[in-house]
């Protein structure tokens, strides 16, 4: 397992996705989220300690992009518990995410890799929520989510 983690981290760092890159985009992205009219209130209602949340999200993205294994939690349960969360929220989240990535570097392998992972996560969460609410009829919920 340690060899896999090292390989994933090395591959990510080779295209510029190192710990500093992750920290920077997480800080900038959640700065946008906090000011956003649609998503800001949803986050503000649930997050009391932003420094703690940012540290947690940096660990999450290091786990996703470096296979660090440091994130422990269940994002699906957290998102299912948010009433009214639907496709438009995830689509908007992705648009803000993509805009944040483009600010740093308009189009690189790193940008594309991180964007692809974000879209897979949004699709998975949206599909899980839709399936929870609508049964199998919700299983294709994320098909219309934007791509970079």
Foldseek 3Di string as FASTA:
>chain_A
DVVLLQVLQVVLVVQPNHLVVLLVLLVVLVVCQCPDPPRNVVVVVPDDDVVVVSVQSSQVVCCLRRVPPPHDDDVLVVLLPRPPDADVNLLVSLVSSLVSLCVVPNDGPNSQVSSVSSLVVSQVSRLSNQCVVPNCVSNRRSPPRDGD
